[in-house]
Amino acid sequence: MLARLRELAAQHGFAVKAVTVRAQRTRWGSCSPTGRISLNWRLIQLPPSVSDYVLLHELAHLAHLNHSARFWREVERICPWHREARAWLRGN
């Protein structure tokens, strides 16, 4: 999971400062204002495309630390299948 995050970050031009993996109860991931990304260890149990969506979602927060229209345009740019992945997360 950490290797995949770094791979996706390099592929899309993001600089990850730090990563932690935790047993979060309510989130798949988060990104702090300082650029620290925190991931839920349960991501390893998801289908790869859904896990990649979560990783790309958090990487997009490095550019836009909110859920504004600009943020969602960035997500669309780097993860065109985000709608399907979000639907999978809601349904499962």
N, C-alpha and C. Protein backbone atom coordinates (compact mmCIF):
# COMPACT_ATOMS: atom_id res chain seq x y z
N MET A 1 0.82 -1.19 0.00
CA MET A 1 0.00 0.00 0.00
C MET A 1 0.87 1.26 0.00
N LEU A 2 1.91 1.29 0.82
CA LEU A 2 2.79 2.46 0.85
C LEU A 2 3.55 2.60 -0.47
N ALA A 3 4.01 1.48 -1.00
CA ALA A 3 4.72 1.52 -2.28
C ALA A 3 3.78 2.00 -3.38
N ARG A 4 2.54 1.56 -3.36
CA ARG A 4 1.57 1.99 -4.38
C ARG A 4 1.28 3.48 -4.24
N LEU A 5 1.16 3.99 -3.03
CA LEU A 5 0.94 5.42 -2.82
C LEU A 5 2.10 6.22 -3.41
N ARG A 6 3.30 5.80 -3.13
CA ARG A 6 4.48 6.52 -3.65
C ARG A 6 4.55 6.42 -5.17
N GLU A 7 4.19 5.28 -5.72
CA GLU A 7 4.16 5.11 -7.17
C GLU A 7 3.15 6.07 -7.82
N LEU A 8 1.94 6.12 -7.26
CA LEU A 8 0.91 7.01 -7.79
C LEU A 8 1.30 8.48 -7.61
N ALA A 9 1.92 8.80 -6.48
CA ALA A 9 2.36 10.18 -6.25
C ALA A 9 3.39 10.59 -7.31
N ALA A 10 4.35 9.73 -7.57
CA ALA A 10 5.36 10.05 -8.58
C ALA A 10 4.74 10.15 -9.97
N GLN A 11 3.82 9.27 -10.27
CA GLN A 11 3.17 9.25 -11.58
C GLN A 11 2.40 10.55 -11.84
N HIS A 12 1.82 11.13 -10.78
CA HIS A 12 0.97 12.31 -10.94
C HIS A 12 1.62 13.59 -10.42
N GLY A 13 2.87 13.53 -10.02
CA GLY A 13 3.60 14.73 -9.63
C GLY A 13 3.30 15.28 -8.25
N PHE A 14 2.95 14.41 -7.32
CA PHE A 14 2.70 14.83 -5.94
C PHE A 14 3.89 14.46 -5.07
N ALA A 15 4.18 15.30 -4.09
CA ALA A 15 5.24 15.04 -3.13
C ALA A 15 4.62 14.70 -1.78
N VAL A 16 4.74 13.45 -1.38
CA VAL A 16 4.20 12.99 -0.10
C VAL A 16 5.26 13.23 0.97
N LYS A 17 4.90 13.94 2.03
CA LYS A 17 5.86 14.24 3.10
C LYS A 17 5.99 13.11 4.10
N ALA A 18 4.86 12.53 4.48
CA ALA A 18 4.87 11.44 5.46
C ALA A 18 3.59 10.63 5.30
N VAL A 19 3.68 9.35 5.67
CA VAL A 19 2.53 8.46 5.58
C VAL A 19 2.45 7.63 6.86
N THR A 20 1.25 7.50 7.37
CA THR A 20 1.03 6.59 8.49
C THR A 20 -0.10 5.64 8.10
N VAL A 21 -0.05 4.44 8.64
CA VAL A 21 -1.10 3.45 8.42
C VAL A 21 -1.66 3.13 9.80
N ARG A 22 -2.99 3.26 9.89
CA ARG A 22 -3.64 3.07 11.19
C ARG A 22 -4.92 2.27 11.03
N ALA A 23 -5.52 1.94 12.15
CA ALA A 23 -6.81 1.25 12.16
C ALA A 23 -7.89 2.30 12.39
N GLN A 24 -8.14 3.11 11.38
CA GLN A 24 -9.17 4.14 11.50
C GLN A 24 -10.55 3.48 11.48
N ARG A 25 -11.46 4.01 12.24
CA ARG A 25 -12.80 3.42 12.32
C ARG A 25 -13.77 4.01 11.32
N THR A 26 -13.60 5.26 10.96
CA THR A 26 -14.60 5.92 10.12
C THR A 26 -14.07 6.43 8.78
N ARG A 27 -12.79 6.32 8.54
CA ARG A 27 -12.21 6.86 7.30
C ARG A 27 -11.30 5.86 6.64
N TRP A 28 -11.26 5.96 5.31
CA TRP A 28 -10.30 5.15 4.55
C TRP A 28 -8.95 5.85 4.51
N GLY A 29 -8.97 7.17 4.61
CA GLY A 29 -7.73 7.93 4.59
C GLY A 29 -7.99 9.37 4.95
N SER A 30 -6.91 10.09 5.18
CA SER A 30 -7.02 11.52 5.45
C SER A 30 -5.70 12.17 5.08
N CYS A 31 -5.77 13.50 4.93
CA CYS A 31 -4.57 14.28 4.59
C CYS A 31 -4.56 15.52 5.46
N SER A 32 -3.46 15.75 6.14
CA SER A 32 -3.37 16.91 7.04
C SER A 32 -2.88 18.13 6.27
N PRO A 33 -3.06 19.32 6.84
CA PRO A 33 -2.55 20.53 6.19
C PRO A 33 -1.03 20.53 6.01
N THR A 34 -0.33 19.71 6.77
CA THR A 34 1.12 19.63 6.63
C THR A 34 1.56 18.64 5.57
N GLY A 35 0.60 17.97 4.92
CA GLY A 35 0.94 17.03 3.87
C GLY A 35 1.13 15.60 4.33
N ARG A 36 0.76 15.32 5.57
CA ARG A 36 0.85 13.95 6.09
C ARG A 36 -0.41 13.19 5.67
N ILE A 37 -0.22 12.05 5.03
CA ILE A 37 -1.34 11.21 4.63
C ILE A 37 -1.44 10.05 5.60
N SER A 38 -2.65 9.82 6.08
CA SER A 38 -2.92 8.71 6.98
C SER A 38 -3.86 7.75 6.25
N LEU A 39 -3.54 6.48 6.26
CA LEU A 39 -4.32 5.47 5.54
C LEU A 39 -4.83 4.39 6.49
N ASN A 40 -5.98 3.88 6.18
CA ASN A 40 -6.57 2.78 6.93
C ASN A 40 -5.94 1.47 6.42
N TRP A 41 -5.47 0.64 7.32
CA TRP A 41 -4.82 -0.61 6.91
C TRP A 41 -5.76 -1.51 6.12
N ARG A 42 -7.08 -1.33 6.31
CA ARG A 42 -8.06 -2.18 5.62
C ARG A 42 -8.12 -1.94 4.11
N LEU A 43 -7.41 -0.93 3.63
CA LEU A 43 -7.35 -0.69 2.18
C LEU A 43 -6.83 -1.92 1.44
N ILE A 44 -6.02 -2.71 2.09
CA ILE A 44 -5.47 -3.90 1.43
C ILE A 44 -6.56 -4.92 1.11
N GLN A 45 -7.73 -4.79 1.74
CA GLN A 45 -8.83 -5.72 1.51
C GLN A 45 -9.75 -5.30 0.37
N LEU A 46 -9.54 -4.11 -0.17
CA LEU A 46 -10.40 -3.58 -1.23
C LEU A 46 -9.92 -4.03 -2.60
N PRO A 47 -10.81 -4.01 -3.59
CA PRO A 47 -10.35 -4.24 -4.96
C PRO A 47 -9.30 -3.18 -5.32
N PRO A 48 -8.30 -3.54 -6.12
CA PRO A 48 -7.22 -2.60 -6.44
C PRO A 48 -7.69 -1.25 -7.00
N SER A 49 -8.70 -1.25 -7.85
CA SER A 49 -9.16 0.03 -8.41
C SER A 49 -9.78 0.92 -7.35
N VAL A 50 -10.44 0.34 -6.37
CA VAL A 50 -11.05 1.11 -5.28
C VAL A 50 -9.97 1.62 -4.34
N SER A 51 -9.02 0.78 -4.02
CA SER A 51 -7.89 1.21 -3.19
C SER A 51 -7.12 2.34 -3.87
N ASP A 52 -6.89 2.20 -5.17
CA ASP A 52 -6.19 3.27 -5.91
C ASP A 52 -6.99 4.57 -5.85
N TYR A 53 -8.31 4.48 -5.96
CA TYR A 53 -9.13 5.69 -5.86
C TYR A 53 -8.90 6.38 -4.51
N VAL A 54 -8.91 5.63 -3.41
CA VAL A 54 -8.71 6.22 -2.10
C VAL A 54 -7.34 6.89 -2.04
N LEU A 55 -6.32 6.21 -2.53
CA LEU A 55 -4.97 6.79 -2.52
C LEU A 55 -4.92 8.06 -3.36
N LEU A 56 -5.52 8.03 -4.54
CA LEU A 56 -5.52 9.21 -5.41
C LEU A 56 -6.35 10.35 -4.81
N HIS A 57 -7.44 10.01 -4.14
CA HIS A 57 -8.25 11.00 -3.45
C HIS A 57 -7.41 11.75 -2.42
N GLU A 58 -6.67 11.00 -1.63
CA GLU A 58 -5.83 11.64 -0.61
C GLU A 58 -4.69 12.43 -1.24
N LEU A 59 -4.13 11.93 -2.32
CA LEU A 59 -3.09 12.70 -3.02
C LEU A 59 -3.64 14.00 -3.56
N ALA A 60 -4.87 13.99 -4.07
CA ALA A 60 -5.49 15.22 -4.57
C ALA A 60 -5.63 16.26 -3.47
N HIS A 61 -5.76 15.81 -2.23
CA HIS A 61 -5.83 16.76 -1.11
C HIS A 61 -4.51 17.50 -0.91
N LEU A 62 -3.43 16.98 -1.43
CA LEU A 62 -2.17 17.72 -1.34
C LEU A 62 -2.24 19.00 -2.17
N ALA A 63 -3.07 19.01 -3.21
CA ALA A 63 -3.25 20.19 -4.04
C ALA A 63 -4.41 21.05 -3.55
N HIS A 64 -5.45 20.42 -3.03
CA HIS A 64 -6.67 21.12 -2.58
C HIS A 64 -7.15 20.46 -1.29
N LEU A 65 -6.92 21.13 -0.18
CA LEU A 65 -7.23 20.55 1.13
C LEU A 65 -8.69 20.78 1.50
N ASN A 66 -9.59 20.38 0.60
CA ASN A 66 -11.03 20.53 0.81
C ASN A 66 -11.73 19.63 -0.21
N HIS A 67 -13.03 19.75 -0.30
CA HIS A 67 -13.80 18.99 -1.30
C HIS A 67 -14.50 19.95 -2.25
N SER A 68 -13.78 20.97 -2.67
CA SER A 68 -14.31 21.97 -3.58
C SER A 68 -14.43 21.42 -5.00
N ALA A 69 -15.03 22.22 -5.87
CA ALA A 69 -15.11 21.83 -7.28
C ALA A 69 -13.72 21.65 -7.87
N ARG A 70 -12.76 22.46 -7.48
CA ARG A 70 -11.37 22.31 -7.98
C ARG A 70 -10.78 20.98 -7.54
N PHE A 71 -11.06 20.60 -6.29
CA PHE A 71 -10.58 19.30 -5.80
C PHE A 71 -11.15 18.18 -6.66
N TRP A 72 -12.48 18.20 -6.88
CA TRP A 72 -13.11 17.12 -7.65
C TRP A 72 -12.65 17.11 -9.10
N ARG A 73 -12.31 18.26 -9.66
CA ARG A 73 -11.73 18.28 -11.02
C ARG A 73 -10.36 17.59 -11.02
N GLU A 74 -9.59 17.81 -9.97
CA GLU A 74 -8.29 17.14 -9.85
C GLU A 74 -8.48 15.63 -9.72
N VAL A 75 -9.43 15.21 -8.90
CA VAL A 75 -9.72 13.78 -8.75
C VAL A 75 -10.12 13.20 -10.11
N GLU A 76 -10.99 13.89 -10.82
CA GLU A 76 -11.43 13.42 -12.15
C GLU A 76 -10.24 13.28 -13.10
N ARG A 77 -9.31 14.23 -13.03
CA ARG A 77 -8.14 14.19 -13.90
C ARG A 77 -7.26 12.98 -13.63
N ILE A 78 -7.02 12.70 -12.36
CA ILE A 78 -6.09 11.62 -12.03
C ILE A 78 -6.76 10.27 -11.81
N CYS A 79 -8.09 10.28 -11.64
CA CYS A 79 -8.82 9.04 -11.36
C CYS A 79 -10.18 9.06 -12.06
N PRO A 80 -10.21 8.87 -13.37
CA PRO A 80 -11.46 8.96 -14.12
C PRO A 80 -12.54 7.98 -13.66
N TRP A 81 -12.18 6.92 -12.99
CA TRP A 81 -13.15 5.91 -12.51
C TRP A 81 -13.61 6.19 -11.07
N HIS A 82 -13.39 7.39 -10.58
CA HIS A 82 -13.70 7.68 -9.17
C HIS A 82 -15.18 7.48 -8.84
N ARG A 83 -16.09 7.75 -9.75
CA ARG A 83 -17.51 7.58 -9.46
C ARG A 83 -17.85 6.11 -9.18
N GLU A 84 -17.30 5.22 -9.99
CA GLU A 84 -17.54 3.79 -9.79
C GLU A 84 -16.94 3.32 -8.46
N ALA A 85 -15.74 3.81 -8.16
CA ALA A 85 -15.09 3.42 -6.90
C ALA A 85 -15.86 3.93 -5.70
N ARG A 86 -16.34 5.16 -5.77
CA ARG A 86 -17.13 5.72 -4.66
C ARG A 86 -18.43 4.93 -4.49
N ALA A 87 -19.04 4.56 -5.59
CA ALA A 87 -20.27 3.76 -5.52
C ALA A 87 -19.99 2.41 -4.87
N TRP A 88 -18.86 1.80 -5.21
CA TRP A 88 -18.49 0.52 -4.62
C TRP A 88 -18.32 0.67 -3.11
N LEU A 89 -17.64 1.74 -2.68
CA LEU A 89 -17.44 1.97 -1.25
C LEU A 89 -18.77 2.17 -0.52
N ARG A 90 -19.67 2.91 -1.14
CA ARG A 90 -21.00 3.13 -0.51
C ARG A 90 -21.80 1.84 -0.43
N GLY A 91 -21.66 0.99 -1.44
CA GLY A 91 -22.44 -0.25 -1.48
C GLY A 91 -21.87 -1.39 -0.68
N ASN A 92 -20.62 -1.27 -0.29
CA ASN A 92 -19.97 -2.37 0.42
C ASN A 92 -19.46 -1.89 1.77
